[in-house]
N, C-alpha and C. Protein backbone atom coordinates (compact mmCIF):
# COMPACT_ATOMS: atom_id res chain seq x y z
N MET A 1 -87.23 -215.92 3.43
CA MET A 1 -85.99 -216.45 4.08
C MET A 1 -85.16 -215.19 4.49
N SER A 2 -84.77 -215.14 5.83
CA SER A 2 -83.90 -214.11 6.16
C SER A 2 -82.89 -214.64 7.08
N LYS A 3 -81.71 -213.88 7.18
CA LYS A 3 -80.58 -214.23 7.87
C LYS A 3 -79.96 -213.04 8.41
N THR A 4 -79.35 -213.09 9.69
CA THR A 4 -78.60 -211.94 10.20
C THR A 4 -77.09 -212.28 10.06
N ILE A 5 -76.32 -211.38 9.50
CA ILE A 5 -74.96 -211.43 9.19
C ILE A 5 -74.29 -210.36 9.86
N GLN A 6 -72.96 -210.44 9.97
CA GLN A 6 -72.18 -209.42 10.64
C GLN A 6 -71.35 -208.74 9.61
N ILE A 7 -70.96 -207.32 9.92
CA ILE A 7 -70.16 -206.61 9.11
C ILE A 7 -68.68 -206.78 9.67
N ARG A 8 -67.81 -207.11 8.87
CA ARG A 8 -66.43 -207.43 9.27
C ARG A 8 -65.53 -206.19 9.04
N LYS A 9 -64.23 -206.41 9.16
CA LYS A 9 -63.32 -205.25 8.94
C LYS A 9 -63.50 -204.71 7.56
N LYS A 10 -63.39 -203.43 7.32
CA LYS A 10 -63.44 -202.80 6.08
C LYS A 10 -64.81 -202.94 5.48
N GLY A 11 -65.86 -203.13 6.24
CA GLY A 11 -67.24 -203.34 5.71
C GLY A 11 -67.53 -204.58 5.02
N THR A 12 -66.69 -205.64 5.13
CA THR A 12 -66.91 -206.84 4.45
C THR A 12 -68.02 -207.68 5.08
N ILE A 13 -68.95 -208.20 4.23
CA ILE A 13 -70.03 -209.13 4.71
C ILE A 13 -69.90 -210.49 3.96
N THR A 14 -70.33 -211.61 4.55
CA THR A 14 -70.37 -212.82 3.84
C THR A 14 -71.89 -213.26 3.71
N LEU A 15 -72.12 -213.53 2.48
CA LEU A 15 -73.42 -214.02 2.20
C LEU A 15 -73.47 -215.50 2.55
N PRO A 16 -74.51 -215.95 3.31
CA PRO A 16 -74.70 -217.33 3.58
C PRO A 16 -74.68 -218.28 2.32
N ALA A 17 -74.12 -219.47 2.42
CA ALA A 17 -74.08 -220.28 1.21
C ALA A 17 -75.33 -220.53 0.71
N GLU A 18 -76.41 -220.75 1.55
CA GLU A 18 -77.67 -221.04 0.93
C GLU A 18 -78.22 -219.88 -0.02
N PHE A 19 -77.93 -218.66 0.31
CA PHE A 19 -78.24 -217.52 -0.63
C PHE A 19 -77.37 -217.58 -1.90
N ARG A 20 -76.02 -217.84 -1.74
CA ARG A 20 -75.17 -217.93 -2.89
C ARG A 20 -75.66 -218.95 -3.84
N LYS A 21 -75.97 -220.18 -3.36
CA LYS A 21 -76.47 -221.27 -4.13
C LYS A 21 -77.80 -220.95 -4.91
N ARG A 22 -78.72 -220.45 -4.06
CA ARG A 22 -80.06 -220.26 -4.54
C ARG A 22 -80.00 -219.14 -5.65
N TYR A 23 -79.13 -218.18 -5.65
CA TYR A 23 -79.04 -217.14 -6.57
C TYR A 23 -77.74 -217.25 -7.62
N GLN A 24 -77.22 -218.45 -7.37
CA GLN A 24 -76.16 -218.68 -8.35
C GLN A 24 -74.99 -217.63 -8.21
N LEU A 25 -74.57 -217.19 -7.04
CA LEU A 25 -73.64 -216.11 -6.94
C LEU A 25 -72.32 -216.63 -6.71
N HIS A 26 -71.22 -216.01 -7.36
CA HIS A 26 -70.05 -216.55 -7.21
C HIS A 26 -68.96 -215.32 -6.84
N GLU A 27 -67.85 -215.68 -6.49
CA GLU A 27 -66.89 -214.61 -6.17
C GLU A 27 -66.61 -213.52 -7.37
N ASP A 28 -66.73 -212.29 -7.08
CA ASP A 28 -66.62 -211.19 -7.97
C ASP A 28 -67.91 -210.88 -8.68
N ASP A 29 -68.93 -211.61 -8.49
CA ASP A 29 -70.26 -211.27 -9.07
C ASP A 29 -70.82 -210.04 -8.61
N PRO A 30 -71.35 -209.01 -9.37
CA PRO A 30 -71.78 -207.77 -8.93
C PRO A 30 -73.11 -207.98 -8.07
N ILE A 31 -73.16 -207.01 -7.12
CA ILE A 31 -74.50 -206.98 -6.23
C ILE A 31 -74.88 -205.63 -6.17
N THR A 32 -76.17 -205.28 -6.42
CA THR A 32 -76.71 -203.91 -6.40
C THR A 32 -77.15 -203.69 -5.04
N LEU A 33 -76.67 -202.47 -4.59
CA LEU A 33 -76.90 -202.05 -3.18
C LEU A 33 -77.87 -200.89 -3.27
N VAL A 34 -79.18 -200.95 -2.63
CA VAL A 34 -80.10 -199.84 -2.80
C VAL A 34 -80.28 -199.28 -1.29
N ASP A 35 -80.17 -197.97 -1.22
CA ASP A 35 -80.50 -197.35 0.10
C ASP A 35 -82.08 -197.03 0.10
N LEU A 36 -82.82 -197.59 0.99
CA LEU A 36 -84.23 -197.40 1.02
C LEU A 36 -84.61 -196.43 2.16
N ASP A 37 -83.63 -195.73 2.69
CA ASP A 37 -83.89 -194.71 3.79
C ASP A 37 -84.16 -195.55 5.15
N GLU A 38 -84.94 -196.45 5.17
CA GLU A 38 -85.35 -197.22 6.35
C GLU A 38 -84.63 -198.53 6.41
N GLY A 39 -83.70 -198.76 5.36
CA GLY A 39 -82.96 -200.08 5.41
C GLY A 39 -82.12 -200.20 4.14
N ILE A 40 -81.44 -201.20 4.04
CA ILE A 40 -80.75 -201.47 2.79
C ILE A 40 -81.24 -202.71 2.02
N PHE A 41 -81.23 -202.54 0.69
CA PHE A 41 -81.67 -203.77 -0.05
C PHE A 41 -80.49 -204.21 -0.84
N LEU A 42 -80.14 -205.50 -0.87
CA LEU A 42 -79.17 -206.17 -1.71
C LEU A 42 -79.85 -206.83 -2.77
N SER A 43 -79.42 -206.87 -4.12
CA SER A 43 -80.05 -207.47 -5.13
C SER A 43 -78.87 -208.02 -6.00
N PRO A 44 -78.99 -209.47 -6.18
CA PRO A 44 -78.00 -210.00 -6.89
C PRO A 44 -78.10 -209.46 -8.41
N LYS A 45 -77.06 -209.24 -9.12
CA LYS A 45 -77.11 -208.81 -10.45
C LYS A 45 -76.00 -209.43 -11.25
N PRO A 46 -76.27 -210.83 -11.49
CA PRO A 46 -75.19 -211.74 -12.12
C PRO A 46 -75.12 -211.18 -13.56
N SER A 47 -73.95 -211.51 -14.25
CA SER A 47 -73.81 -211.20 -15.62
C SER A 47 -74.71 -212.13 -16.47
N VAL A 48 -75.40 -211.56 -17.40
CA VAL A 48 -76.25 -212.38 -18.34
C VAL A 48 -75.47 -212.97 -19.48
N LEU A 49 -74.33 -212.53 -19.79
CA LEU A 49 -73.38 -212.93 -20.88
C LEU A 49 -73.09 -214.39 -21.02
N PRO A 50 -72.68 -215.05 -19.89
CA PRO A 50 -72.61 -216.49 -19.93
C PRO A 50 -73.70 -217.22 -20.25
N LYS A 51 -74.90 -216.80 -19.71
CA LYS A 51 -76.26 -217.51 -20.04
C LYS A 51 -76.63 -217.33 -21.56
N ILE A 52 -76.41 -216.16 -22.09
CA ILE A 52 -76.72 -215.91 -23.49
C ILE A 52 -75.71 -216.75 -24.32
N VAL A 53 -74.51 -216.76 -24.01
CA VAL A 53 -73.42 -217.52 -24.82
C VAL A 53 -74.08 -219.00 -24.83
N SER A 54 -74.34 -219.41 -23.60
CA SER A 54 -74.76 -220.81 -23.53
C SER A 54 -76.01 -221.18 -24.32
N GLN A 55 -76.90 -220.31 -24.41
CA GLN A 55 -78.18 -220.43 -25.16
C GLN A 55 -77.84 -220.45 -26.68
N ILE A 56 -77.00 -219.50 -27.09
CA ILE A 56 -76.62 -219.41 -28.49
C ILE A 56 -75.81 -220.75 -28.96
N GLU A 57 -75.01 -221.26 -28.01
CA GLU A 57 -74.36 -222.43 -28.35
C GLU A 57 -75.15 -223.56 -28.54
N LYS A 58 -76.20 -223.76 -27.54
CA LYS A 58 -77.19 -224.89 -27.68
C LYS A 58 -77.97 -224.75 -29.05
N LEU A 59 -78.39 -223.56 -29.30
CA LEU A 59 -79.07 -223.37 -30.67
C LEU A 59 -78.31 -223.76 -31.89
N ARG A 60 -76.99 -223.23 -31.82
CA ARG A 60 -76.01 -223.57 -32.84
C ARG A 60 -75.88 -224.97 -33.08
N LYS A 61 -75.69 -225.79 -31.98
CA LYS A 61 -75.51 -227.27 -32.18
C LYS A 61 -76.77 -227.84 -32.68
N LYS A 62 -77.97 -227.41 -32.10
CA LYS A 62 -79.28 -227.94 -32.44
C LYS A 62 -79.44 -227.87 -34.01
N GLN A 63 -79.02 -226.71 -34.50
CA GLN A 63 -79.13 -226.50 -35.96
C GLN A 63 -78.00 -227.05 -36.86
N GLY A 64 -77.05 -227.68 -36.14
CA GLY A 64 -75.96 -228.26 -36.85
C GLY A 64 -74.98 -227.26 -37.64
N LEU A 65 -74.87 -226.03 -37.00
CA LEU A 65 -74.07 -225.03 -37.62
C LEU A 65 -72.60 -224.95 -37.01
N SER A 66 -71.68 -224.73 -37.78
CA SER A 66 -70.26 -224.51 -37.34
C SER A 66 -70.28 -223.10 -36.94
N LEU A 67 -69.28 -222.69 -36.00
CA LEU A 67 -69.09 -221.45 -35.63
C LEU A 67 -68.99 -220.47 -36.84
N ALA A 68 -68.19 -220.84 -37.72
CA ALA A 68 -67.96 -219.99 -38.98
C ALA A 68 -69.24 -219.70 -39.65
N GLU A 69 -70.25 -220.79 -39.79
CA GLU A 69 -71.48 -220.53 -40.35
C GLU A 69 -72.34 -219.61 -39.66
N LEU A 70 -72.26 -219.76 -38.26
CA LEU A 70 -73.06 -218.89 -37.50
C LEU A 70 -72.64 -217.36 -37.60
N ILE A 71 -71.26 -217.07 -37.57
CA ILE A 71 -70.73 -215.77 -37.85
C ILE A 71 -71.09 -215.26 -39.14
N GLU A 72 -71.00 -216.02 -40.19
CA GLU A 72 -71.41 -215.65 -41.53
C GLU A 72 -72.83 -215.33 -41.61
N GLY A 73 -73.76 -216.01 -40.91
CA GLY A 73 -75.10 -215.65 -40.90
C GLY A 73 -75.39 -214.38 -40.22
N VAL A 74 -74.62 -214.09 -39.15
CA VAL A 74 -74.87 -212.78 -38.47
C VAL A 74 -74.33 -211.74 -39.33
N GLN A 75 -73.26 -211.84 -40.02
CA GLN A 75 -72.75 -210.85 -40.95
C GLN A 75 -73.86 -210.59 -42.03
N GLU A 76 -74.48 -211.57 -42.61
CA GLU A 76 -75.51 -211.49 -43.64
C GLU A 76 -76.63 -210.58 -43.09
N LEU A 77 -77.02 -210.98 -41.84
CA LEU A 77 -78.18 -210.23 -41.26
C LEU A 77 -77.84 -208.68 -41.06
N ARG A 78 -76.57 -208.45 -40.70
CA ARG A 78 -76.25 -207.01 -40.51
C ARG A 78 -76.26 -206.40 -41.80
N THR A 79 -75.76 -207.00 -42.90
CA THR A 79 -75.68 -206.42 -44.24
C THR A 79 -77.12 -206.05 -44.67
N ARG A 80 -78.12 -207.02 -44.51
CA ARG A 80 -79.43 -206.65 -44.90
C ARG A 80 -80.03 -205.60 -44.14
N GLU A 81 -79.67 -205.28 -42.81
CA GLU A 81 -80.30 -204.30 -42.08
C GLU A 81 -79.78 -202.94 -42.39
N GLU A 82 -78.66 -202.91 -42.99
CA GLU A 82 -78.02 -201.64 -43.37
C GLU A 82 -78.81 -201.04 -44.52
């Protein structure tokens, strides 16, 4: 899929809604810009933190752990590794 977009004042561009939806991009999400000499490559680089937090929360609930129990377990693991 390709689209032609325009550069606005101060170099601003608008990514088409279909691209934002496909790559789950939101306002203030970082985008990596790569100069390929023959062109420019834009790559979505969304933060992985919300996804990781969501996965941890799902696992915590699945195991029936409270947040305090989860934190305690992490502290125990860190103590063992020292």
